[in-house]
């Protein structure tokens, strides 16, 4: 039974109910009584109501930054379903804008791609670029099983990713997922990486979240190949 809110919203904005009509799995439920929510142009969830704080203690600068015209800016990205249930899709700090001025929320797209047994990790790229691309770490155990079944010789991770049949498999896979995304969100190009990201190697936080800036810096050459 998921719900949603922040300390600044006292803290509930929406919550799933026990009765069947009041719950939707995968959402954070309908709004509670008296609370208003609207979705900003960039997808951010804005909240207004008696549950919203008056302001940060002795920090009028932060208050003015987060509460604009009575609307509290949550920093979360979300949408309403047709049944009026609220869904959280990303954090605003993860959002990026293409050179064409279109916003892309990467997390939902990355999670969709990871539904494939052949994709272990993925990070979308595209800030200030003409199109969206991705860095992909395949699931090598599954990929090697596939290679064996297709009578490919045993190869290292690096060699596997340069095999034309493997690259064709991953290209077809990415294209099959693109149908779930709108035109701006679709992955036009990608780079396959031979090493899994981890806390020890610096790409993941202890909570297993991506350190996007670290990945961008570490794989700068791969990104340059994509956009060259």
C-alpha atoms as a PDB file:
ATOM      1  CA  UNK A   1       0.000   0.000   0.000  1.00  0.00           C
ATOM      2  CA  UNK A   2       2.091   2.881  -1.280  1.00  0.00           C
ATOM      3  CA  UNK A   3       1.636   6.523  -0.396  1.00  0.00           C
ATOM      4  CA  UNK A   4       3.559   9.697  -1.100  1.00  0.00           C
ATOM      5  CA  UNK A   5       4.570  12.850   0.690  1.00  0.00           C
ATOM      6  CA  UNK A   6       7.444  14.859   2.096  1.00  0.00           C
ATOM      7  CA  UNK A   7       8.289  16.390   5.455  1.00  0.00           C
ATOM      8  CA  UNK A   8       7.311  19.744   3.954  1.00  0.00           C
ATOM      9  CA  UNK A   9       3.820  18.406   3.179  1.00  0.00           C
ATOM     10  CA  UNK A  10       3.064  17.199   6.710  1.00  0.00           C
ATOM     11  CA  UNK A  11       3.791  14.578   5.213  1.00  0.00           C
ATOM     12  CA  UNK A  12       1.027  12.969   3.118  1.00  0.00           C
ATOM     13  CA  UNK A  13      -0.027  14.034  -0.378  1.00  0.00           C
ATOM     14  CA  UNK A  14      -1.575  10.837  -1.673  1.00  0.00           C
ATOM     15  CA  UNK A  15      -2.074   7.260  -0.499  1.00  0.00           C
ATOM     16  CA  UNK A  16      -3.654   4.052  -1.730  1.00  0.00           C
ATOM     17  CA  UNK A  17      -6.821   3.012   0.121  1.00  0.00           C
ATOM     18  CA  UNK A  18      -7.848  -0.417   1.363  1.00  0.00           C
ATOM     19  CA  UNK A  19     -10.978  -0.597  -0.784  1.00  0.00           C
ATOM     20  CA  UNK A  20     -10.417  -1.836  -4.339  1.00  0.00           C
ATOM     21  CA  UNK A  21     -11.613   1.359  -6.041  1.00  0.00           C
ATOM     22  CA  UNK A  22      -9.144   3.411  -4.014  1.00  0.00           C
ATOM     23  CA  UNK A  23      -5.985   1.514  -4.839  1.00  0.00           C
ATOM     24  CA  UNK A  24      -3.827   0.964  -7.884  1.00  0.00           C
ATOM     25  CA  UNK A  25      -0.600  -1.009  -7.593  1.00  0.00           C
ATOM     26  CA  UNK A  26       2.378   0.854  -9.043  1.00  0.00           C
ATOM     27  CA  UNK A  27       0.887   4.195  -8.064  1.00  0.00           C
ATOM     28  CA  UNK A  28       1.033   6.200  -4.832  1.00  0.00           C
ATOM     29  CA  UNK A  29      -2.739   6.451  -4.737  1.00  0.00           C
ATOM     30  CA  UNK A  30      -5.324   9.221  -5.056  1.00  0.00           C
ATOM     31  CA  UNK A  31      -4.856  12.611  -3.366  1.00  0.00           C
ATOM     32  CA  UNK A  32      -5.993  13.046   0.215  1.00  0.00           C
ATOM     33  CA  UNK A  33      -8.877  15.406   0.895  1.00  0.00           C
ATOM     34  CA  UNK A  34      -8.043  19.115   0.696  1.00  0.00           C
ATOM     35  CA  UNK A  35      -4.757  18.641  -1.159  1.00  0.00           C
ATOM     36  CA  UNK A  36      -4.238  19.983  -4.677  1.00  0.00           C
ATOM     37  CA  UNK A  37      -1.595  18.698  -7.082  1.00  0.00           C
ATOM     38  CA  UNK A  38      -0.692  19.817 -10.568  1.00  0.00           C
ATOM     39  CA  UNK A  39       2.039  18.643 -12.909  1.00  0.00           C
ATOM     40  CA  UNK A  40       4.381  21.378 -14.154  1.00  0.00           C
ATOM     41  CA  UNK A  41       5.495  21.645 -17.777  1.00  0.00           C
ATOM     42  CA  UNK A  42       8.701  19.782 -17.000  1.00  0.00           C
ATOM     43  CA  UNK A  43       6.787  17.037 -15.174  1.00  0.00           C
ATOM     44  CA  UNK A  44       7.492  18.181 -11.606  1.00  0.00           C
ATOM     45  CA  UNK A  45       4.806  17.505  -8.994  1.00  0.00           C
ATOM     46  CA  UNK A  46       3.533  20.747  -7.415  1.00  0.00           C
ATOM     47  CA  UNK A  47       1.402  20.654  -4.260  1.00  0.00           C
ATOM     48  CA  UNK A  48      -0.906  23.155  -2.567  1.00  0.00           C
ATOM     49  CA  UNK A  49      -3.058  22.794   0.535  1.00  0.00           C
ATOM     50  CA  UNK A  50      -3.255  23.105   4.323  1.00  0.00           C
ATOM     51  CA  UNK A  51      -0.688  20.302   4.608  1.00  0.00           C
ATOM     52  CA  UNK A  52       2.084  22.415   3.041  1.00  0.00           C
ATOM     53  CA  UNK A  53       4.524  24.017   5.476  1.00  0.00           C
ATOM     54  CA  UNK A  54       4.613  27.785   6.060  1.00  0.00           C
ATOM     55  CA  UNK A  55       8.320  27.855   5.287  1.00  0.00           C
ATOM     56  CA  UNK A  56      11.817  26.794   6.329  1.00  0.00           C
ATOM     57  CA  UNK A  57      12.884  28.094   9.751  1.00  0.00           C
ATOM     58  CA  UNK A  58      14.883  31.310   9.307  1.00  0.00           C
ATOM     59  CA  UNK A  59      15.498  30.476   5.633  1.00  0.00           C
ATOM     60  CA  UNK A  60      13.289  32.781   3.567  1.00  0.00           C
ATOM     61  CA  UNK A  61      15.616  32.193   0.603  1.00  0.00           C
ATOM     62  CA  UNK A  62      14.888  28.448   0.550  1.00  0.00           C
ATOM     63  CA  UNK A  63      11.198  29.071   1.176  1.00  0.00           C
ATOM     64  CA  UNK A  64      10.979  31.413  -1.822  1.00  0.00           C
ATOM     65  CA  UNK A  65      12.810  28.851  -3.918  1.00  0.00           C
ATOM     66  CA  UNK A  66      10.537  25.913  -3.065  1.00  0.00           C
ATOM     67  CA  UNK A  67       7.146  27.634  -2.644  1.00  0.00           C
ATOM     68  CA  UNK A  68       6.100  29.720  -5.647  1.00  0.00           C
ATOM     69  CA  UNK A  69       2.617  31.298  -5.801  1.00  0.00           C
ATOM     70  CA  UNK A  70       1.517  28.959  -3.012  1.00  0.00           C
ATOM     71  CA  UNK A  71       2.655  25.815  -4.843  1.00  0.00           C
ATOM     72  CA  UNK A  72       5.292  23.660  -3.172  1.00  0.00           C
ATOM     73  CA  UNK A  73       7.790  22.248  -5.670  1.00  0.00           C
ATOM     74  CA  UNK A  74       8.465  18.673  -4.594  1.00  0.00           C
ATOM     75  CA  UNK A  75      11.468  17.895  -6.790  1.00  0.00           C
ATOM     76  CA  UNK A  76       9.740  14.698  -7.955  1.00  0.00           C
ATOM     77  CA  UNK A  77       8.522  13.927 -11.464  1.00  0.00           C
ATOM     78  CA  UNK A  78       5.140  12.283 -11.866  1.00  0.00           C
ATOM     79  CA  UNK A  79       1.938  11.778 -13.829  1.00  0.00           C
ATOM     80  CA  UNK A  80      -1.743  11.143 -13.179  1.00  0.00           C
ATOM     81  CA  UNK A  81      -3.288   7.964 -14.547  1.00  0.00           C
ATOM     82  CA  UNK A  82      -6.659   8.014 -16.318  1.00  0.00           C
ATOM     83  CA  UNK A  83      -8.214   6.924 -13.017  1.00  0.00           C
ATOM     84  CA  UNK A  84      -6.583   9.934 -11.280  1.00  0.00           C
ATOM     85  CA  UNK A  85      -3.975   7.981  -9.347  1.00  0.00           C
ATOM     86  CA  UNK A  86      -0.625   9.705  -8.888  1.00  0.00           C
ATOM     87  CA  UNK A  87       2.512   7.924 -10.114  1.00  0.00           C
ATOM     88  CA  UNK A  88       6.094   8.911  -9.314  1.00  0.00           C
ATOM     89  CA  UNK A  89       8.366   8.406 -12.310  1.00  0.00           C
ATOM     90  CA  UNK A  90      11.642  10.143 -11.447  1.00  0.00           C
ATOM     91  CA  UNK A  91      13.486  12.804  -9.487  1.00  0.00           C
ATOM     92  CA  UNK A  92      13.767  16.244 -11.098  1.00  0.00           C
ATOM     93  CA  UNK A  93      17.527  16.290 -10.546  1.00  0.00           C
ATOM     94  CA  UNK A  94      17.728  13.261 -12.867  1.00  0.00           C
ATOM     95  CA  UNK A  95      15.752  15.076 -15.581  1.00  0.00           C
ATOM     96  CA  UNK A  96      17.634  16.357 -18.614  1.00  0.00           C
ATOM     97  CA  UNK A  97      16.700  18.506 -21.578  1.00  0.00           C
ATOM     98  CA  UNK A  98      17.696  17.821 -25.167  1.00  0.00           C
ATOM     99  CA  UNK A  99      19.034  20.544 -27.444  1.00  0.00           C
ATOM    100  CA  UNK A 100      15.526  20.744 -28.886  1.00  0.00           C
ATOM    101  CA  UNK A 101      14.171  21.806 -25.492  1.00  0.00           C
ATOM    102  CA  UNK A 102      12.349  18.557 -24.703  1.00  0.00           C
ATOM    103  CA  UNK A 103      12.529  17.100 -21.182  1.00  0.00           C
ATOM    104  CA  UNK A 104      13.417  13.445 -20.653  1.00  0.00           C
ATOM    105  CA  UNK A 105      12.974  11.567 -17.361  1.00  0.00           C
ATOM    106  CA  UNK A 106      15.501   8.722 -17.647  1.00  0.00           C
ATOM    107  CA  UNK A 107      14.688   6.450 -14.702  1.00  0.00           C
ATOM    108  CA  UNK A 108      11.435   4.961 -16.016  1.00  0.00           C
ATOM    109  CA  UNK A 109      13.042   4.293 -19.406  1.00  0.00           C
ATOM    110  CA  UNK A 110      16.106   2.691 -17.819  1.00  0.00           C
ATOM    111  CA  UNK A 111      13.947   0.471 -15.615  1.00  0.00           C
ATOM    112  CA  UNK A 112      11.909  -0.615 -18.637  1.00  0.00           C
ATOM    113  CA  UNK A 113      15.043  -1.625 -20.528  1.00  0.00           C
ATOM    114  CA  UNK A 114      16.276  -3.630 -17.539  1.00  0.00           C
ATOM    115  CA  UNK A 115      13.236  -5.860 -17.873  1.00  0.00           C
ATOM    116  CA  UNK A 116      15.229  -7.573 -20.615  1.00  0.00           C
ATOM    117  CA  UNK A 117      17.304 -10.549 -19.417  1.00  0.00           C
ATOM    118  CA  UNK A 118      20.144  -9.300 -21.615  1.00  0.00           C
ATOM    119  CA  UNK A 119      20.472  -5.857 -19.981  1.00  0.00           C
ATOM    120  CA  UNK A 120      22.015  -5.626 -16.523  1.00  0.00           C
ATOM    121  CA  UNK A 121      22.596  -1.862 -16.249  1.00  0.00           C
ATOM    122  CA  UNK A 122      21.815   1.153 -18.399  1.00  0.00           C
ATOM    123  CA  UNK A 123      22.123   4.920 -18.255  1.00  0.00           C
ATOM    124  CA  UNK A 124      20.435   7.363 -20.623  1.00  0.00           C
ATOM    125  CA  UNK A 125      22.329  10.344 -22.025  1.00  0.00           C
ATOM    126  CA  UNK A 126      21.091  13.302 -24.005  1.00  0.00           C
ATOM    127  CA  UNK A 127      21.426  16.590 -22.088  1.00  0.00           C
ATOM    128  CA  UNK A 128      21.868  19.372 -24.654  1.00  0.00           C
ATOM    129  CA  UNK A 129      22.149  16.767 -27.413  1.00  0.00           C
ATOM    130  CA  UNK A 130      20.003  16.287 -30.517  1.00  0.00           C
ATOM    131  CA  UNK A 131      18.938  12.783 -29.514  1.00  0.00           C
ATOM    132  CA  UNK A 132      18.842  10.366 -26.604  1.00  0.00           C
ATOM    133  CA  UNK A 133      21.470   7.633 -26.342  1.00  0.00           C
ATOM    134  CA  UNK A 134      22.469   5.045 -23.761  1.00  0.00           C
ATOM    135  CA  UNK A 135      25.390   3.328 -22.090  1.00  0.00           C
ATOM    136  CA  UNK A 136      24.513  -0.338 -21.625  1.00  0.00           C
ATOM    137  CA  UNK A 137      26.142  -3.040 -19.521  1.00  0.00           C
ATOM    138  CA  UNK A 138      24.766  -6.371 -20.741  1.00  0.00           C
ATOM    139  CA  UNK A 139      23.965  -9.310 -18.489  1.00  0.00           C
ATOM    140  CA  UNK A 140      27.006 -11.349 -19.470  1.00  0.00           C
ATOM    141  CA  UNK A 141      25.886 -14.708 -18.015  1.00  0.00           C
ATOM    142  CA  UNK A 142      22.682 -14.540 -20.088  1.00  0.00           C
ATOM    143  CA  UNK A 143      24.516 -13.197 -23.113  1.00  0.00           C
ATOM    144  CA  UNK A 144      27.082 -16.002 -22.971  1.00  0.00           C
ATOM    145  CA  UNK A 145      24.291 -18.574 -22.680  1.00  0.00           C
ATOM    146  CA  UNK A 146      22.708 -17.058 -25.784  1.00  0.00           C
ATOM    147  CA  UNK A 147      26.057 -17.090 -27.597  1.00  0.00           C
ATOM    148  CA  UNK A 148      26.589 -20.762 -26.747  1.00  0.00           C
ATOM    149  CA  UNK A 149      23.110 -21.703 -27.961  1.00  0.00           C
ATOM    150  CA  UNK A 150      23.859 -19.849 -31.196  1.00  0.00           C
ATOM    151  CA  UNK A 151      27.150 -21.739 -31.607  1.00  0.00           C
ATOM    152  CA  UNK A 152      29.416 -18.750 -31.126  1.00  0.00           C
ATOM    153  CA  UNK A 153      32.923 -19.466 -29.806  1.00  0.00           C
ATOM    154  CA  UNK A 154      33.774 -18.704 -26.164  1.00  0.00           C
ATOM    155  CA  UNK A 155      34.828 -15.064 -25.875  1.00  0.00           C
ATOM    156  CA  UNK A 156      35.791 -12.487 -23.265  1.00  0.00           C
ATOM    157  CA  UNK A 157      33.277  -9.781 -22.367  1.00  0.00           C
ATOM    158  CA  UNK A 158      35.164  -7.306 -24.527  1.00  0.00           C
ATOM    159  CA  UNK A 159      35.301  -9.603 -27.574  1.00  0.00           C
ATOM    160  CA  UNK A 160      31.673 -10.597 -27.115  1.00  0.00           C
ATOM    161  CA  UNK A 161      30.549  -6.983 -27.444  1.00  0.00           C
ATOM    162  CA  UNK A 162      32.397  -6.609 -30.744  1.00  0.00           C
ATOM    163  CA  UNK A 163      30.806  -9.677 -32.286  1.00  0.00           C
ATOM    164  CA  UNK A 164      28.399  -8.601 -35.075  1.00  0.00           C
ATOM    165  CA  UNK A 165      25.726 -11.124 -34.027  1.00  0.00           C
ATOM    166  CA  UNK A 166      25.792  -9.851 -30.437  1.00  0.00           C
ATOM    167  CA  UNK A 167      25.619  -6.190 -31.440  1.00  0.00           C
ATOM    168  CA  UNK A 168      22.748  -7.030 -33.787  1.00  0.00           C
ATOM    169  CA  UNK A 169      20.914  -8.765 -30.933  1.00  0.00           C
ATOM    170  CA  UNK A 170      21.264  -5.737 -28.642  1.00  0.00           C
ATOM    171  CA  UNK A 171      20.294  -3.311 -31.417  1.00  0.00           C
ATOM    172  CA  UNK A 172      17.139  -5.286 -32.144  1.00  0.00           C
ATOM    173  CA  UNK A 173      16.400  -5.412 -28.427  1.00  0.00           C
ATOM    174  CA  UNK A 174      16.727  -1.639 -27.957  1.00  0.00           C
ATOM    175  CA  UNK A 175      14.573  -0.979 -31.011  1.00  0.00           C
ATOM    176  CA  UNK A 176      11.891  -3.303 -29.631  1.00  0.00           C
ATOM    177  CA  UNK A 177      11.761  -1.250 -26.420  1.00  0.00           C
ATOM    178  CA  UNK A 178      11.642   2.091 -28.242  1.00  0.00           C
ATOM    179  CA  UNK A 179       7.974   1.468 -29.077  1.00  0.00           C
ATOM    180  CA  UNK A 180       7.162   2.045 -25.391  1.00  0.00           C
ATOM    181  CA  UNK A 181       8.614   5.574 -25.442  1.00  0.00           C
ATOM    182  CA  UNK A 182       7.645   8.751 -27.221  1.00  0.00           C
ATOM    183  CA  UNK A 183       9.773   9.959 -30.133  1.00  0.00           C
ATOM    184  CA  UNK A 184      11.983  12.241 -28.039  1.00  0.00           C
ATOM    185  CA  UNK A 185      12.690   9.490 -25.478  1.00  0.00           C
ATOM    186  CA  UNK A 186      13.646   6.822 -27.995  1.00  0.00           C
ATOM    187  CA  UNK A 187      17.254   5.614 -27.918  1.00  0.00           C
ATOM    188  CA  UNK A 188      18.900   6.373 -31.248  1.00  0.00           C
ATOM    189  CA  UNK A 189      22.406   5.082 -30.471  1.00  0.00           C
ATOM    190  CA  UNK A 190      24.129   3.201 -27.667  1.00  0.00           C
ATOM    191  CA  UNK A 191      27.508   1.924 -26.479  1.00  0.00           C
ATOM    192  CA  UNK A 192      28.002  -1.503 -24.905  1.00  0.00           C
ATOM    193  CA  UNK A 193      30.346  -1.636 -21.911  1.00  0.00           C
ATOM    194  CA  UNK A 194      32.295  -4.704 -20.734  1.00  0.00           C
ATOM    195  CA  UNK A 195      32.443  -3.981 -16.989  1.00  0.00           C
ATOM    196  CA  UNK A 196      29.571  -3.945 -14.503  1.00  0.00           C
ATOM    197  CA  UNK A 197      29.100  -0.801 -12.394  1.00  0.00           C
ATOM    198  CA  UNK A 198      29.462  -1.185  -8.640  1.00  0.00           C
ATOM    199  CA  UNK A 199      29.953   0.638  -5.356  1.00  0.00           C
ATOM    200  CA  UNK A 200      33.594  -0.465  -5.255  1.00  0.00           C
ATOM    201  CA  UNK A 201      34.368   0.933  -8.706  1.00  0.00           C
ATOM    202  CA  UNK A 202      32.566   4.195  -7.917  1.00  0.00           C
ATOM    203  CA  UNK A 203      29.610   4.269 -10.288  1.00  0.00           C
ATOM    204  CA  UNK A 204      26.977   3.354  -7.670  1.00  0.00           C
ATOM    205  CA  UNK A 205      26.065   4.772  -4.269  1.00  0.00           C
ATOM    206  CA  UNK A 206      25.684   2.415  -1.270  1.00  0.00           C
ATOM    207  CA  UNK A 207      21.928   2.543  -2.021  1.00  0.00           C
ATOM    208  CA  UNK A 208      22.741   1.254  -5.528  1.00  0.00           C
ATOM    209  CA  UNK A 209      21.751   4.515  -7.229  1.00  0.00           C
ATOM    210  CA  UNK A 210      23.678   5.636 -10.285  1.00  0.00           C
ATOM    211  CA  UNK A 211      26.314   8.314  -9.839  1.00  0.00           C
ATOM    212  CA  UNK A 212      25.518   9.823 -13.206  1.00  0.00           C
ATOM    213  CA  UNK A 213      28.291  12.411 -13.217  1.00  0.00           C
ATOM    214  CA  UNK A 214      30.858   9.729 -12.377  1.00  0.00           C
ATOM    215  CA  UNK A 215      29.620   7.511 -15.215  1.00  0.00           C
ATOM    216  CA  UNK A 216      29.617  10.455 -17.644  1.00  0.00           C
ATOM    217  CA  UNK A 217      33.213  11.280 -16.763  1.00  0.00           C
ATOM    218  CA  UNK A 218      34.480   7.693 -16.697  1.00  0.00           C
ATOM    219  CA  UNK A 219      32.967   6.856 -20.080  1.00  0.00           C
ATOM    220  CA  UNK A 220      33.577  10.182 -21.777  1.00  0.00           C
ATOM    221  CA  UNK A 221      35.235   8.500 -24.761  1.00  0.00           C
ATOM    222  CA  UNK A 222      32.256   6.201 -25.313  1.00  0.00           C
ATOM    223  CA  UNK A 223      29.882   9.155 -25.175  1.00  0.00           C
ATOM    224  CA  UNK A 224      32.034  11.074 -27.674  1.00  0.00           C
ATOM    225  CA  UNK A 225      31.856   8.099 -30.052  1.00  0.00           C
ATOM    226  CA  UNK A 226      28.066   8.156 -29.826  1.00  0.00           C
ATOM    227  CA  UNK A 227      27.788  11.839 -30.711  1.00  0.00           C
ATOM    228  CA  UNK A 228      30.753  12.152 -33.069  1.00  0.00           C
END
